[in-house]
Amino acid sequence: MAISEKLSSIDQWLRPYSAQLQQRIDYTADYRQKIIGDTDIADFSLGYMHFGLHQTATGWVFHEWAPNATKIYIVGQFSDWRDDERFALTRVQAGEWEISLDTALLQHQDRYKLHIFWDGGDDYRIPAWATRVVQDPLSNQFDAQVWLPDQPYVWQHERPTPAKTPLIYEAHIGMASAEEKVASYAEFRQNVLPRIIAGGYNTIQLMAIQEHPYYGSFGYHVSSFFAASSRFGTPEDLKQLIDAAHAAGITVILDLVHSHAVKNEVEGLSRFDGSYTQYFHEGDRGNHAAWDSRVFDYAKPQVAHFLLSNCRYWLDEYQFDGYRFDGVTSMLYLDHGLEKAFTSYDDYFANNDLDAIAYLTIANELIHTVYPQATTIAEEMSGLPGIAGAISDGGIGFDYRLSMGMPDMWIRFIKDWRDEEWQMSLLFRELSQHRPEERTISYAESHDQALVGDKTLLFRLIDKDMYDHMSLSSQNFSVDRGIALHKMIRLLTASMHNGGYLNFMGNEFGHPEWIDFPREGNDWSYKYARRQWNLADDDTLKYKLLGNFDAAMIDLLPKSIGDYEWMTMNDGDQVLAYVRNNLLFVYNFNPVKSFTDYGVVAAAGDYKIILSGDDEVYGGHNRIDTTLTYSTTKGFDTRLRLYLPARTALVLQKID
């Protein structure tokens, strides 16, 4: 059924762009017909069950799409890694090649590759649809690997119902150990998952799962899209981790990279069959200059089939509960949105890549068809209208958009303005803005803000004093300021969420320094590619107190939904307060002034403090008596009279 755009009736500022929005819808409808035709979309996405290597009742069958190839051999241990005519693939149709092999030829954990020939050249390639890829520790070369264990993994737990308010713990398996090494899926399950459970998070976002040849790419230069990275363990290890999270009622989403692919030819898809345009655009458009990677040609049916099947695969095979799509802004615009401010609505409708927009829309349709409870999040900084709007309204169909401007805003406040210059009205406006049709994920910092050359939020606030003054016995003004603001910034950001909240692994307790993966420039060191959990566990350090505060904050966030009510905003005093769903959030950002009997507007009734950032257990100074009951003043303008120490946040709950 044809869709008529409704976004311009939801957002009046879009009315002049109704024709462009409808054009986007119509283009997507034509794209869908071209790619899928009359095939059921769920059936269409099962390409992973056809392509690649599969066991049959009589042996093995292998299919690959390589239209520019003139000859293909499958080579491996069974052929002594040599071309053998017995193992030459046959071209069948539309650039597809196939071969059938005897059962005894391939055994569990055998390695193999393709030797592909084309006019003017040849090279070895890892099959595009390979589901297991391993790196030889001696040669460092990657090979596809047969994976057929005697005991396939048996899922023990049903997927949990996703939380209405996703509280996301963004995590990287490899850097999850305190040791200077690459951690494993099993270690994460045993050591980190219990921390996530104890911290109250209900969603885990796993990064760097799709196989990538360079560890230091943080997983964003993907080579094998269907293979879970073997550097962290086996497929069964990953499944056991996801199963254990499900047992605890936690959903697990995958950081899915469909915005680009690694340029590597031996390990990846680039020049797979000798052509630079098999999977990617021709010429400059096929190369992402800023990311040194290849850009998919989403208009090509075989490419869309590959990527849509990839969306289906991770849901089916690993029971992931959804995706955070990486680099969506780069997909939406032909210039990838680079160095663009997006200050006008005209910017959103200029230079669009309509094929990529159509692909993302169909991908969301597919994901929610296959698994209706799936969660999809767009990592999108431009704020394209409809990115997280319903497809039936003319939107692209993501459940949430990541509010990427928030961390930049906090960095700007910390770097550019003295504490006494912080304006509550500006903070509130920046943190509350979103499109009327969308839900968003708020965050003060993710992995992006701590990459080498940058700093975590707490390190930015305290800097070198973190090295000497984070002991409970040490008194230091810079540390006191940093701890107070760290709590206030995170609580303000989280409590003003318009859908959900995200935290990167370790930042809940103020992880120090930065993230830097092993590379030539740091002598291949793992010192900064790990998490110092010992800091959070040490009863003599203030990191543990920040972790305590984060757990308390996360516990109350699901209650902080609904509209903002009973606002108090005073830029001069630097006091901000608001009510959401009977929770009253109060902040005094003033660096020097404490206020006695400060009037905060609230609904008539009695209130109890349920969270005080000034509690000693959270690194505060115990200046507030949290046992008291606070009653509003009588009269038309009902207010609570509160003691608000400098740099303090409170949360009160109405009790009558």
Foldseek 3Di string as FASTA:
>chain_A
DQFQFQLCVLPVQCVVVSVLLSVLSVLLVVLCCVQQNPHDLLVLLQVLVPAAWDADPFAIKHKAAFQQFPWKFKAFPLNVRDGDPLRIWDDDDDRMTMDGDGHVSADFFTWIWMWTHGVPDIDIAEGQSQAAWDADPPVRDITGTHHDDPDPDDQDFDAFQQDQAAAEAEEEQQFAAQDLGGEALQCCLVPVLVLCLLLQGQEYEYWLQAADSDVQVSNQAHAHLNYGHPVRHDLNSLLVSQSSSRVSNHAYAYAHEPQFHACDARRHDQCVNPDRQPFADPDPLQADVVSRTGGGPLSDSVNLSSVLSSLVNCCPSRVHQAYEYPLLCLQQASNSCPPPDLPDLVVLSPRGPSSSLSSLLSSLVNNCVNPVSGAYEYAHANQRPQCCAPVSNSHSNHQAYEPVCQLVVVVCCLPPDDLLQDFPVVVVCSLQDHRSRHFYEWENDEQVQFAPVHWQQLCSQQPPVVVPAQFPPHDDPSNLLSLLVLLVSGLVNLLSGRRYYYDYPQPQLPFTHGAGAQDVVVVRTSNRSHHNCVQLVDPRGLSVLSSVSSSLSSVCSVQSDDDWPQWDGDRNQCWTWTDGNQKIKIWRSAQQDKDFQDWGFDPFAKKAWSDKCQDVSNVHPPPDDRVDIWGWDDDDRTTTGDTGGHSMMIMMGGDD
